[in-house]
Amino acid sequence: MGVQKAMQLNDHELAAAQIHHYLQFEPTTITEIFPLPSDSTASDSDPLVAQESPTYVLESHRRRLLDIISNAFEKAVRDGNVDSITRNFKLLSLIGAKEQGIEKYGYYLCGTVKRKSQDRMLAPVNKCECS
C-alpha cells in the first residue's frame, strides 16, 4: 500500500512509515525508480509535469500529513491525551519534521511543568504536627 492509499484510509502511521522510507532515498533515485511517462509534447519545465513527478507528489503528501499530525498533536495536548501526544511526536520525526516535533513536545512539557508548579504553589500548605 502506498502513501496516497494510506492517507485515504486515514492510516497516518502507515503513511508516515512510507514517507520515512522514501525520505531515505535521494530525490534523483526516486525519479529513477518512478520515472514519468515519456511524452514528447511535455517539457521538464512544464508545471503540470513537475506536479506529477514522484518527488513532488511525495513532498505534497508529506506536507499534508505534517499538517494532519500537527493538528492531531495540538488536539491531543488540549485533550490531555498523553498516548496520542507521544504517538504524534514520533510520527513528526518519521516524516522529517524532527525539529518541529521537538519544539511542540518541548512546549507541551513546559506547559505541563508550569501548570503542576502553579497548582502546587496554590495548594494549601499542610503544617507538620511534630510531637
N, C-alpha and C. Protein backbone atom coordinates (compact mmCIF):
# COMPACT_ATOMS: atom_id res chain seq x y z
N MET A 1 0.86 -1.18 0.00
CA MET A 1 0.00 0.00 0.00
C MET A 1 0.90 1.23 0.00
N GLY A 2 0.53 2.22 -0.80
CA GLY A 2 1.33 3.42 -0.91
C GLY A 2 0.86 4.52 0.03
N VAL A 3 1.58 5.61 -0.02
CA VAL A 3 1.29 6.76 0.83
C VAL A 3 -0.12 7.29 0.57
N GLN A 4 -0.46 7.44 -0.70
CA GLN A 4 -1.76 8.01 -1.04
C GLN A 4 -2.90 7.15 -0.50
N LYS A 5 -2.81 5.84 -0.65
CA LYS A 5 -3.86 4.94 -0.16
C LYS A 5 -3.93 5.00 1.37
N ALA A 6 -2.79 5.01 2.03
CA ALA A 6 -2.76 5.09 3.50
C ALA A 6 -3.41 6.38 3.97
N MET A 7 -3.16 7.48 3.25
CA MET A 7 -3.76 8.76 3.64
C MET A 7 -5.26 8.74 3.40
N GLN A 8 -5.71 8.10 2.32
CA GLN A 8 -7.14 8.00 2.05
C GLN A 8 -7.84 7.20 3.16
N LEU A 9 -7.14 6.22 3.72
CA LEU A 9 -7.70 5.39 4.79
C LEU A 9 -7.48 6.00 6.18
N ASN A 10 -6.89 7.20 6.22
CA ASN A 10 -6.55 7.87 7.48
C ASN A 10 -5.62 7.03 8.35
N ASP A 11 -4.79 6.22 7.72
CA ASP A 11 -3.80 5.42 8.44
C ASP A 11 -2.50 6.24 8.46
N HIS A 12 -2.44 7.19 9.41
CA HIS A 12 -1.33 8.12 9.46
C HIS A 12 -0.02 7.43 9.83
N GLU A 13 -0.08 6.38 10.62
CA GLU A 13 1.13 5.66 10.98
C GLU A 13 1.75 5.01 9.75
N LEU A 14 0.92 4.36 8.94
CA LEU A 14 1.43 3.72 7.73
C LEU A 14 1.92 4.77 6.73
N ALA A 15 1.18 5.85 6.56
CA ALA A 15 1.61 6.91 5.65
C ALA A 15 2.95 7.49 6.09
N ALA A 16 3.11 7.72 7.39
CA ALA A 16 4.37 8.25 7.91
C ALA A 16 5.51 7.26 7.69
N ALA A 17 5.24 5.99 7.90
CA ALA A 17 6.27 4.96 7.69
C ALA A 17 6.69 4.92 6.22
N GLN A 18 5.71 5.03 5.32
CA GLN A 18 6.01 5.03 3.89
C GLN A 18 6.84 6.27 3.51
N ILE A 19 6.44 7.42 4.00
CA ILE A 19 7.18 8.65 3.70
C ILE A 19 8.59 8.55 4.27
N HIS A 20 8.71 8.04 5.48
CA HIS A 20 10.04 7.86 6.09
C HIS A 20 10.92 6.99 5.20
N HIS A 21 10.34 5.93 4.67
CA HIS A 21 11.08 5.04 3.78
C HIS A 21 11.58 5.82 2.56
N TYR A 22 10.72 6.61 1.94
CA TYR A 22 11.10 7.37 0.75
C TYR A 22 12.10 8.47 1.07
N LEU A 23 12.04 9.03 2.28
CA LEU A 23 12.98 10.09 2.66
C LEU A 23 14.41 9.58 2.76
N GLN A 24 14.58 8.28 2.84
CA GLN A 24 15.92 7.69 2.92
C GLN A 24 16.65 7.75 1.58
N PHE A 25 15.91 7.96 0.50
CA PHE A 25 16.48 8.00 -0.84
C PHE A 25 16.78 9.43 -1.26
N GLU A 26 17.74 9.56 -2.15
CA GLU A 26 17.99 10.85 -2.80
C GLU A 26 16.84 11.11 -3.78
N PRO A 27 16.43 12.35 -3.96
CA PRO A 27 15.34 12.64 -4.91
C PRO A 27 15.60 12.09 -6.32
N THR A 28 16.86 12.12 -6.76
CA THR A 28 17.16 11.60 -8.10
C THR A 28 16.93 10.09 -8.17
N THR A 29 17.17 9.40 -7.07
CA THR A 29 16.94 7.95 -7.05
C THR A 29 15.45 7.67 -7.18
N ILE A 30 14.64 8.43 -6.49
CA ILE A 30 13.18 8.24 -6.57
C ILE A 30 12.71 8.48 -8.00
N THR A 31 13.23 9.51 -8.63
CA THR A 31 12.85 9.81 -10.00
C THR A 31 13.28 8.68 -10.94
N GLU A 32 14.43 8.08 -10.65
CA GLU A 32 14.90 6.96 -11.48
C GLU A 32 14.02 5.72 -11.27
N ILE A 33 13.59 5.50 -10.04
CA ILE A 33 12.76 4.33 -9.74
C ILE A 33 11.36 4.50 -10.32
N PHE A 34 10.83 5.72 -10.21
CA PHE A 34 9.48 6.02 -10.68
C PHE A 34 9.52 7.10 -11.75
N PRO A 35 10.00 6.77 -12.93
CA PRO A 35 10.09 7.80 -13.97
C PRO A 35 8.72 8.23 -14.47
N LEU A 36 8.63 9.46 -14.92
CA LEU A 36 7.40 9.96 -15.53
C LEU A 36 7.23 9.30 -16.89
N PRO A 37 5.99 9.09 -17.30
CA PRO A 37 5.80 8.56 -18.65
C PRO A 37 6.36 9.55 -19.67
N SER A 38 7.04 9.04 -20.65
CA SER A 38 7.63 9.94 -21.64
C SER A 38 6.54 10.49 -22.54
N ASP A 39 6.61 11.78 -22.74
CA ASP A 39 5.65 12.48 -23.59
C ASP A 39 6.43 13.51 -24.38
N SER A 40 6.49 13.34 -25.64
CA SER A 40 7.32 14.21 -26.46
C SER A 40 6.80 15.65 -26.48
N THR A 41 5.55 15.88 -26.10
CA THR A 41 5.00 17.24 -26.15
C THR A 41 5.22 17.99 -24.85
N ALA A 42 5.60 17.29 -23.78
CA ALA A 42 5.78 17.96 -22.48
C ALA A 42 7.26 18.21 -22.25
N SER A 43 7.55 19.33 -21.66
CA SER A 43 8.94 19.64 -21.33
C SER A 43 9.13 19.54 -19.82
N ASP A 44 10.40 19.42 -19.41
CA ASP A 44 10.70 19.30 -17.98
C ASP A 44 10.30 20.54 -17.20
N SER A 45 10.23 21.68 -17.89
CA SER A 45 9.87 22.92 -17.19
C SER A 45 8.36 23.12 -17.12
N ASP A 46 7.61 22.22 -17.72
CA ASP A 46 6.14 22.29 -17.70
C ASP A 46 5.64 22.07 -16.28
N PRO A 47 4.88 23.02 -15.70
CA PRO A 47 4.40 22.88 -14.31
C PRO A 47 3.55 21.63 -14.09
N LEU A 48 2.80 21.21 -15.12
CA LEU A 48 1.98 20.01 -14.96
C LEU A 48 2.84 18.77 -14.84
N VAL A 49 3.93 18.73 -15.59
CA VAL A 49 4.86 17.60 -15.49
C VAL A 49 5.51 17.61 -14.12
N ALA A 50 5.93 18.78 -13.66
CA ALA A 50 6.58 18.89 -12.35
C ALA A 50 5.65 18.41 -11.24
N GLN A 51 4.34 18.70 -11.35
CA GLN A 51 3.39 18.30 -10.32
C GLN A 51 3.13 16.80 -10.32
N GLU A 52 3.45 16.14 -11.41
CA GLU A 52 3.27 14.70 -11.49
C GLU A 52 4.53 13.95 -11.08
N SER A 53 5.63 14.66 -10.87
CA SER A 53 6.87 13.98 -10.53
C SER A 53 6.72 13.30 -9.18
N PRO A 54 7.36 12.15 -9.02
CA PRO A 54 7.23 11.42 -7.75
C PRO A 54 7.71 12.23 -6.54
N THR A 55 8.77 12.99 -6.72
CA THR A 55 9.26 13.77 -5.58
C THR A 55 8.27 14.87 -5.21
N TYR A 56 7.62 15.47 -6.19
CA TYR A 56 6.61 16.50 -5.92
C TYR A 56 5.41 15.88 -5.20
N VAL A 57 4.96 14.74 -5.69
CA VAL A 57 3.80 14.06 -5.08
C VAL A 57 4.12 13.65 -3.65
N LEU A 58 5.30 13.07 -3.44
CA LEU A 58 5.68 12.66 -2.08
C LEU A 58 5.80 13.85 -1.14
N GLU A 59 6.38 14.94 -1.61
CA GLU A 59 6.51 16.13 -0.78
C GLU A 59 5.14 16.73 -0.47
N SER A 60 4.24 16.69 -1.43
CA SER A 60 2.87 17.18 -1.19
C SER A 60 2.19 16.34 -0.11
N HIS A 61 2.33 15.04 -0.21
CA HIS A 61 1.75 14.16 0.81
C HIS A 61 2.41 14.37 2.17
N ARG A 62 3.73 14.58 2.16
CA ARG A 62 4.45 14.80 3.41
C ARG A 62 3.95 16.08 4.08
N ARG A 63 3.78 17.15 3.31
CA ARG A 63 3.29 18.41 3.88
C ARG A 63 1.86 18.28 4.40
N ARG A 64 1.03 17.57 3.63
CA ARG A 64 -0.36 17.36 4.06
C ARG A 64 -0.39 16.54 5.35
N LEU A 65 0.42 15.49 5.41
CA LEU A 65 0.49 14.66 6.61
C LEU A 65 1.06 15.45 7.79
N LEU A 66 2.02 16.31 7.53
CA LEU A 66 2.57 17.17 8.57
C LEU A 66 1.48 18.04 9.19
N ASP A 67 0.62 18.61 8.35
CA ASP A 67 -0.49 19.42 8.86
C ASP A 67 -1.45 18.57 9.70
N ILE A 68 -1.77 17.38 9.20
CA ILE A 68 -2.70 16.49 9.91
C ILE A 68 -2.12 16.10 11.27
N ILE A 69 -0.87 15.70 11.29
CA ILE A 69 -0.24 15.25 12.53
C ILE A 69 -0.08 16.41 13.50
N SER A 70 0.29 17.59 12.99
CA SER A 70 0.44 18.76 13.86
C SER A 70 -0.89 19.11 14.52
N ASN A 71 -1.96 19.08 13.74
CA ASN A 71 -3.29 19.35 14.30
C ASN A 71 -3.70 18.29 15.31
N ALA A 72 -3.38 17.02 15.01
CA ALA A 72 -3.70 15.94 15.95
C ALA A 72 -2.89 16.09 17.24
N PHE A 73 -1.65 16.53 17.12
CA PHE A 73 -0.80 16.76 18.30
C PHE A 73 -1.41 17.85 19.17
N GLU A 74 -1.79 18.96 18.55
CA GLU A 74 -2.38 20.07 19.30
C GLU A 74 -3.69 19.67 19.96
N LYS A 75 -4.50 18.89 19.27
CA LYS A 75 -5.76 18.41 19.85
C LYS A 75 -5.48 17.49 21.03
N ALA A 76 -4.49 16.63 20.90
CA ALA A 76 -4.13 15.72 21.98
C ALA A 76 -3.66 16.51 23.21
N VAL A 77 -2.91 17.59 22.99
CA VAL A 77 -2.47 18.43 24.11
C VAL A 77 -3.68 19.07 24.78
N ARG A 78 -4.62 19.61 23.99
CA ARG A 78 -5.83 20.22 24.57
C ARG A 78 -6.63 19.20 25.37
N ASP A 79 -6.71 17.95 24.84
CA ASP A 79 -7.48 16.90 25.49
C ASP A 79 -6.72 16.22 26.62
N GLY A 80 -5.42 16.48 26.72
CA GLY A 80 -4.60 15.83 27.74
C GLY A 80 -4.37 14.35 27.46
N ASN A 81 -4.40 13.97 26.20
CA ASN A 81 -4.23 12.57 25.79
C ASN A 81 -2.74 12.29 25.59
N VAL A 82 -2.09 11.81 26.63
CA VAL A 82 -0.64 11.59 26.62
C VAL A 82 -0.23 10.56 25.57
N ASP A 83 -1.00 9.49 25.41
CA ASP A 83 -0.66 8.47 24.41
C ASP A 83 -0.66 9.06 23.00
N SER A 84 -1.66 9.88 22.69
CA SER A 84 -1.75 10.50 21.38
C SER A 84 -0.66 11.54 21.18
N ILE A 85 -0.31 12.25 22.24
CA ILE A 85 0.79 13.23 22.16
C ILE A 85 2.08 12.51 21.79
N THR A 86 2.37 11.43 22.47
CA THR A 86 3.59 10.66 22.22
C THR A 86 3.58 10.07 20.82
N ARG A 87 2.46 9.51 20.41
CA ARG A 87 2.35 8.90 19.07
C ARG A 87 2.59 9.94 17.99
N ASN A 88 1.97 11.10 18.11
CA ASN A 88 2.12 12.14 17.09
C ASN A 88 3.52 12.74 17.10
N PHE A 89 4.15 12.82 18.26
CA PHE A 89 5.53 13.27 18.35
C PHE A 89 6.44 12.34 17.55
N LYS A 90 6.24 11.05 17.70
CA LYS A 90 7.05 10.07 16.97
C LYS A 90 6.78 10.15 15.46
N LEU A 91 5.53 10.38 15.08
CA LEU A 91 5.19 10.48 13.66
C LEU A 91 5.84 11.71 13.01
N LEU A 92 5.90 12.81 13.75
CA LEU A 92 6.55 14.01 13.21
C LEU A 92 8.01 13.72 12.86
N SER A 93 8.66 12.97 13.71
CA SER A 93 10.05 12.61 13.45
C SER A 93 10.17 11.74 12.20
N LEU A 94 9.24 10.81 12.04
CA LEU A 94 9.28 9.91 10.89
C LEU A 94 9.16 10.63 9.55
N ILE A 95 8.40 11.72 9.52
CA ILE A 95 8.18 12.39 8.24
C ILE A 95 9.14 13.56 8.03
N GLY A 96 10.23 13.55 8.76
CA GLY A 96 11.26 14.55 8.54
C GLY A 96 11.00 15.88 9.22
N ALA A 97 10.16 15.90 10.24
CA ALA A 97 9.86 17.13 10.97
C ALA A 97 10.30 17.00 12.43
N LYS A 98 11.49 16.44 12.62
CA LYS A 98 12.00 16.19 13.97
C LYS A 98 12.08 17.47 14.80
N GLU A 99 12.62 18.54 14.21
CA GLU A 99 12.76 19.80 14.95
C GLU A 99 11.40 20.36 15.36
N GLN A 100 10.45 20.29 14.45
CA GLN A 100 9.10 20.77 14.77
C GLN A 100 8.48 19.91 15.87
N GLY A 101 8.70 18.61 15.81
CA GLY A 101 8.19 17.71 16.85
C GLY A 101 8.81 18.01 18.20
N ILE A 102 10.13 18.23 18.21
CA ILE A 102 10.81 18.55 19.47
C ILE A 102 10.30 19.87 20.04
N GLU A 103 10.09 20.84 19.16
CA GLU A 103 9.57 22.14 19.60
C GLU A 103 8.17 21.98 20.21
N LYS A 104 7.30 21.27 19.53
CA LYS A 104 5.93 21.07 20.02
C LYS A 104 5.95 20.29 21.35
N TYR A 105 6.76 19.24 21.39
CA TYR A 105 6.81 18.42 22.61
C TYR A 105 7.42 19.22 23.76
N GLY A 106 8.41 20.05 23.46
CA GLY A 106 9.02 20.91 24.48
C GLY A 106 8.01 21.89 25.07
N TYR A 107 7.21 22.52 24.20
CA TYR A 107 6.16 23.44 24.68
C TYR A 107 5.15 22.69 25.55
N TYR A 108 4.81 21.49 25.11
CA TYR A 108 3.87 20.68 25.89
C TYR A 108 4.45 20.38 27.28
N LEU A 109 5.71 19.94 27.32
CA LEU A 109 6.34 19.62 28.61
C LEU A 109 6.46 20.85 29.50
N CYS A 110 6.85 21.97 28.93
CA CYS A 110 6.97 23.21 29.71
C CYS A 110 5.60 23.63 30.27
N GLY A 111 4.58 23.51 29.46
CA GLY A 111 3.23 23.84 29.92
C GLY A 111 2.78 22.93 31.04
N THR A 112 3.11 21.65 30.93
CA THR A 112 2.75 20.68 31.98
C THR A 112 3.46 21.02 33.28
N VAL A 113 4.75 21.29 33.21
CA VAL A 113 5.53 21.64 34.41
C VAL A 113 4.99 22.93 35.01
N LYS A 114 4.67 23.91 34.17
CA LYS A 114 4.15 25.19 34.65
C LYS A 114 2.83 24.99 35.39
N ARG A 115 1.90 24.24 34.79
CA ARG A 115 0.60 24.01 35.44
C ARG A 115 0.77 23.28 36.77
N LYS A 116 1.59 22.25 36.79
CA LYS A 116 1.77 21.49 38.04
C LYS A 116 2.44 22.35 39.11
N SER A 117 3.37 23.18 38.71
CA SER A 117 4.02 24.07 39.68
C SER A 117 3.04 25.09 40.24
N GLN A 118 2.21 25.66 39.35
CA GLN A 118 1.22 26.62 39.80
C GLN A 118 0.21 25.95 40.74
N ASP A 119 -0.22 24.75 40.39
CA ASP A 119 -1.16 24.03 41.26
C ASP A 119 -0.56 23.80 42.64
N ARG A 120 0.70 23.43 42.69
CA ARG A 120 1.34 23.18 43.99
C ARG A 120 1.53 24.47 44.78
N MET A 121 1.81 25.56 44.07
CA MET A 121 2.00 26.83 44.76
C MET A 121 0.69 27.34 45.34
N LEU A 122 -0.42 27.03 44.68
CA LEU A 122 -1.73 27.50 45.13
C LEU A 122 -2.38 26.56 46.14
N ALA A 123 -1.85 25.37 46.26
CA ALA A 123 -2.42 24.40 47.20
C ALA A 123 -2.12 24.84 48.62
N PRO A 124 -3.07 24.56 49.53
CA PRO A 124 -2.83 24.93 50.93
C PRO A 124 -1.62 24.17 51.47
N VAL A 125 -0.90 24.87 52.31
CA VAL A 125 0.29 24.27 52.91
C VAL A 125 -0.14 23.46 54.12
N ASN A 126 0.24 22.22 54.17
CA ASN A 126 -0.05 21.37 55.31
C ASN A 126 1.05 21.55 56.35
N LYS A 127 0.64 21.99 57.53
CA LYS A 127 1.64 22.17 58.58
C LYS A 127 1.95 20.83 59.20
N CYS A 128 3.20 20.67 59.45
CA CYS A 128 3.65 19.43 60.08
C CYS A 128 3.35 19.51 61.58
N GLU A 129 2.65 18.52 62.06
CA GLU A 129 2.36 18.48 63.51
C GLU A 129 3.36 17.53 64.12
N CYS A 130 4.47 18.10 64.50
CA CYS A 130 5.54 17.27 65.07
C CYS A 130 5.30 17.11 66.58
N SER A 131 5.61 15.97 67.11
CA SER A 131 5.43 15.75 68.56
C SER A 131 6.64 16.09 69.34
